[in-house]
């Protein structure tokens, strides 16, 4: 395994490893397995299949501010609905996450790590 010594980030991008578990959902006689996003690793294993790049966009600044001011800010992992469920996008914009939901992607969220909150706040303060 290839572990990094420090976070892989710039002013506008951060490579983050998403941590998932699979759990069973039962609806009547039907049982299905679904991924659940349980957290984020900010110093990722580069060999992981669960890497996503959080990329900040100027046009989403209002979304980021609103998210940071919420009771519990979230990060959203947007996954393909193929059996592999690869990460398509990692975002801090609730509006972007909703757009992907409308396109039938699997959208999972979890609490935004404090380090990411500070990084986004710094980005917003510079622009």
C-alpha atoms as a PDB file:
ATOM      1  CA  UNK A   1       0.000   0.000   0.000  1.00  0.00           C
ATOM      2  CA  UNK A   2       1.160   3.466  -0.839  1.00  0.00           C
ATOM      3  CA  UNK A   3       0.491   5.878   2.011  1.00  0.00           C
ATOM      4  CA  UNK A   4       1.294   9.547   1.740  1.00  0.00           C
ATOM      5  CA  UNK A   5       2.970  11.512   4.496  1.00  0.00           C
ATOM      6  CA  UNK A   6       0.862  14.653   4.029  1.00  0.00           C
ATOM      7  CA  UNK A   7      -2.465  15.634   2.476  1.00  0.00           C
ATOM      8  CA  UNK A   8      -2.506  15.880  -1.306  1.00  0.00           C
ATOM      9  CA  UNK A   9      -4.119  19.231  -1.851  1.00  0.00           C
ATOM     10  CA  UNK A  10      -3.722  22.569  -3.546  1.00  0.00           C
ATOM     11  CA  UNK A  11      -5.689  25.808  -3.176  1.00  0.00           C
ATOM     12  CA  UNK A  12      -8.628  24.358  -5.108  1.00  0.00           C
ATOM     13  CA  UNK A  13      -8.262  20.551  -5.087  1.00  0.00           C
ATOM     14  CA  UNK A  14      -7.900  17.889  -2.410  1.00  0.00           C
ATOM     15  CA  UNK A  15      -7.542  14.157  -3.045  1.00  0.00           C
ATOM     16  CA  UNK A  16      -9.647  12.410  -0.397  1.00  0.00           C
ATOM     17  CA  UNK A  17     -10.311   8.751   0.276  1.00  0.00           C
ATOM     18  CA  UNK A  18     -13.954   7.943   0.978  1.00  0.00           C
ATOM     19  CA  UNK A  19     -14.667   5.240   3.537  1.00  0.00           C
ATOM     20  CA  UNK A  20     -17.639   3.008   2.792  1.00  0.00           C
ATOM     21  CA  UNK A  21     -19.364   0.062   4.389  1.00  0.00           C
ATOM     22  CA  UNK A  22     -21.969  -2.140   2.781  1.00  0.00           C
ATOM     23  CA  UNK A  23     -25.185  -2.875   4.596  1.00  0.00           C
ATOM     24  CA  UNK A  24     -28.341  -4.833   3.869  1.00  0.00           C
ATOM     25  CA  UNK A  25     -31.645  -3.129   3.266  1.00  0.00           C
ATOM     26  CA  UNK A  26     -34.781  -5.238   3.571  1.00  0.00           C
ATOM     27  CA  UNK A  27     -38.060  -4.176   1.986  1.00  0.00           C
ATOM     28  CA  UNK A  28     -40.671  -6.886   2.369  1.00  0.00           C
ATOM     29  CA  UNK A  29     -39.261 -10.047   0.817  1.00  0.00           C
ATOM     30  CA  UNK A  30     -36.496  -8.162  -0.995  1.00  0.00           C
ATOM     31  CA  UNK A  31     -32.977  -7.758   0.363  1.00  0.00           C
ATOM     32  CA  UNK A  32     -30.404  -5.545  -1.294  1.00  0.00           C
ATOM     33  CA  UNK A  33     -26.889  -4.412  -0.438  1.00  0.00           C
ATOM     34  CA  UNK A  34     -26.162  -0.693  -0.438  1.00  0.00           C
ATOM     35  CA  UNK A  35     -23.026   1.336   0.197  1.00  0.00           C
ATOM     36  CA  UNK A  36     -22.979   3.768   3.087  1.00  0.00           C
ATOM     37  CA  UNK A  37     -20.452   6.602   3.344  1.00  0.00           C
ATOM     38  CA  UNK A  38     -19.047   6.510   6.875  1.00  0.00           C
ATOM     39  CA  UNK A  39     -16.165   8.966   6.685  1.00  0.00           C
ATOM     40  CA  UNK A  40     -13.165  10.399   4.898  1.00  0.00           C
ATOM     41  CA  UNK A  41      -9.418   9.784   5.036  1.00  0.00           C
ATOM     42  CA  UNK A  42      -7.595  13.042   4.332  1.00  0.00           C
ATOM     43  CA  UNK A  43      -4.219  11.364   3.860  1.00  0.00           C
ATOM     44  CA  UNK A  44      -5.327   8.738   1.365  1.00  0.00           C
ATOM     45  CA  UNK A  45      -3.956   5.386   0.341  1.00  0.00           C
ATOM     46  CA  UNK A  46      -3.161   6.010  -3.334  1.00  0.00           C
ATOM     47  CA  UNK A  47      -3.948   2.362  -4.120  1.00  0.00           C
ATOM     48  CA  UNK A  48      -7.499   2.717  -2.815  1.00  0.00           C
ATOM     49  CA  UNK A  49     -10.425   2.334  -5.199  1.00  0.00           C
ATOM     50  CA  UNK A  50     -12.326   4.961  -3.210  1.00  0.00           C
ATOM     51  CA  UNK A  51     -10.415   8.120  -4.119  1.00  0.00           C
ATOM     52  CA  UNK A  52     -12.194  11.301  -5.097  1.00  0.00           C
ATOM     53  CA  UNK A  53     -10.918  14.793  -5.793  1.00  0.00           C
ATOM     54  CA  UNK A  54     -12.758  17.596  -4.058  1.00  0.00           C
ATOM     55  CA  UNK A  55     -12.478  20.510  -6.492  1.00  0.00           C
ATOM     56  CA  UNK A  56     -13.663  23.975  -5.502  1.00  0.00           C
ATOM     57  CA  UNK A  57     -15.377  26.141  -8.123  1.00  0.00           C
ATOM     58  CA  UNK A  58     -15.981  29.890  -7.960  1.00  0.00           C
ATOM     59  CA  UNK A  59     -19.537  29.510  -9.206  1.00  0.00           C
ATOM     60  CA  UNK A  60     -20.349  27.357  -6.144  1.00  0.00           C
ATOM     61  CA  UNK A  61     -19.082  29.807  -3.491  1.00  0.00           C
ATOM     62  CA  UNK A  62     -22.599  30.590  -2.220  1.00  0.00           C
ATOM     63  CA  UNK A  63     -23.294  26.871  -1.860  1.00  0.00           C
ATOM     64  CA  UNK A  64     -20.104  26.379   0.149  1.00  0.00           C
ATOM     65  CA  UNK A  65     -20.938  29.292   2.454  1.00  0.00           C
ATOM     66  CA  UNK A  66     -24.435  27.963   3.056  1.00  0.00           C
ATOM     67  CA  UNK A  67     -23.076  24.469   3.717  1.00  0.00           C
ATOM     68  CA  UNK A  68     -20.438  25.756   6.173  1.00  0.00           C
ATOM     69  CA  UNK A  69     -23.084  27.768   8.056  1.00  0.00           C
ATOM     70  CA  UNK A  70     -25.373  24.749   8.422  1.00  0.00           C
ATOM     71  CA  UNK A  71     -25.624  22.844  11.694  1.00  0.00           C
ATOM     72  CA  UNK A  72     -23.618  19.933  10.267  1.00  0.00           C
ATOM     73  CA  UNK A  73     -21.715  20.686   7.029  1.00  0.00           C
ATOM     74  CA  UNK A  74     -21.499  17.755   4.625  1.00  0.00           C
ATOM     75  CA  UNK A  75     -19.330  16.391   1.860  1.00  0.00           C
ATOM     76  CA  UNK A  76     -21.100  14.524  -0.919  1.00  0.00           C
ATOM     77  CA  UNK A  77     -19.761  11.539  -2.839  1.00  0.00           C
ATOM     78  CA  UNK A  78     -21.481  11.024  -6.184  1.00  0.00           C
ATOM     79  CA  UNK A  79     -21.166   7.446  -7.408  1.00  0.00           C
ATOM     80  CA  UNK A  80     -21.952   5.781 -10.715  1.00  0.00           C
ATOM     81  CA  UNK A  81     -24.861   3.369 -10.490  1.00  0.00           C
ATOM     82  CA  UNK A  82     -22.838   0.645 -12.210  1.00  0.00           C
ATOM     83  CA  UNK A  83     -22.016  -2.402 -10.065  1.00  0.00           C
ATOM     84  CA  UNK A  84     -18.542  -0.959  -9.340  1.00  0.00           C
ATOM     85  CA  UNK A  85     -20.070   2.243  -7.875  1.00  0.00           C
ATOM     86  CA  UNK A  86     -16.986   4.316  -8.730  1.00  0.00           C
ATOM     87  CA  UNK A  87     -16.724   7.852  -7.368  1.00  0.00           C
ATOM     88  CA  UNK A  88     -17.683  10.271 -10.120  1.00  0.00           C
ATOM     89  CA  UNK A  89     -17.515  13.525  -8.128  1.00  0.00           C
ATOM     90  CA  UNK A  90     -16.729  14.666  -4.603  1.00  0.00           C
ATOM     91  CA  UNK A  91     -18.368  18.000  -3.746  1.00  0.00           C
ATOM     92  CA  UNK A  92     -19.164  20.366  -0.893  1.00  0.00           C
ATOM     93  CA  UNK A  93     -22.101  21.849  -2.825  1.00  0.00           C
ATOM     94  CA  UNK A  94     -25.547  20.557  -1.806  1.00  0.00           C
ATOM     95  CA  UNK A  95     -26.975  21.999  -5.033  1.00  0.00           C
ATOM     96  CA  UNK A  96     -24.504  20.048  -7.172  1.00  0.00           C
ATOM     97  CA  UNK A  97     -25.334  16.891  -5.213  1.00  0.00           C
ATOM     98  CA  UNK A  98     -29.059  17.429  -5.898  1.00  0.00           C
ATOM     99  CA  UNK A  99     -28.388  17.840  -9.631  1.00  0.00           C
ATOM    100  CA  UNK A 100     -26.656  14.463  -9.695  1.00  0.00           C
ATOM    101  CA  UNK A 101     -29.558  12.867  -7.793  1.00  0.00           C
ATOM    102  CA  UNK A 102     -31.858  14.066 -10.568  1.00  0.00           C
ATOM    103  CA  UNK A 103     -29.597  12.255 -13.061  1.00  0.00           C
ATOM    104  CA  UNK A 104     -29.930   8.932 -11.209  1.00  0.00           C
ATOM    105  CA  UNK A 105     -26.483   8.817  -9.643  1.00  0.00           C
ATOM    106  CA  UNK A 106     -26.044   7.438  -6.138  1.00  0.00           C
ATOM    107  CA  UNK A 107     -25.382  10.429  -3.863  1.00  0.00           C
ATOM    108  CA  UNK A 108     -24.024   9.733  -0.378  1.00  0.00           C
ATOM    109  CA  UNK A 109     -23.051  12.258   2.268  1.00  0.00           C
ATOM    110  CA  UNK A 110     -21.302  12.428   5.595  1.00  0.00           C
ATOM    111  CA  UNK A 111     -20.079  15.055   8.031  1.00  0.00           C
ATOM    112  CA  UNK A 112     -17.401  17.301   6.581  1.00  0.00           C
ATOM    113  CA  UNK A 113     -14.074  16.918   8.432  1.00  0.00           C
ATOM    114  CA  UNK A 114     -12.960  20.024  10.337  1.00  0.00           C
ATOM    115  CA  UNK A 115      -9.781  20.265   8.244  1.00  0.00           C
ATOM    116  CA  UNK A 116     -11.844  20.441   5.051  1.00  0.00           C
ATOM    117  CA  UNK A 117     -14.135  23.062   6.601  1.00  0.00           C
ATOM    118  CA  UNK A 118     -11.120  25.238   7.419  1.00  0.00           C
ATOM    119  CA  UNK A 119      -9.675  24.729   3.926  1.00  0.00           C
ATOM    120  CA  UNK A 120     -12.943  25.769   2.254  1.00  0.00           C
ATOM    121  CA  UNK A 121     -13.304  28.752   4.611  1.00  0.00           C
ATOM    122  CA  UNK A 122      -9.780  29.834   3.643  1.00  0.00           C
ATOM    123  CA  UNK A 123     -10.685  29.507  -0.051  1.00  0.00           C
ATOM    124  CA  UNK A 124     -13.783  31.651   0.471  1.00  0.00           C
ATOM    125  CA  UNK A 125     -11.786  34.252   2.393  1.00  0.00           C
ATOM    126  CA  UNK A 126      -9.316  34.692  -0.476  1.00  0.00           C
ATOM    127  CA  UNK A 127     -11.927  35.226  -3.172  1.00  0.00           C
END
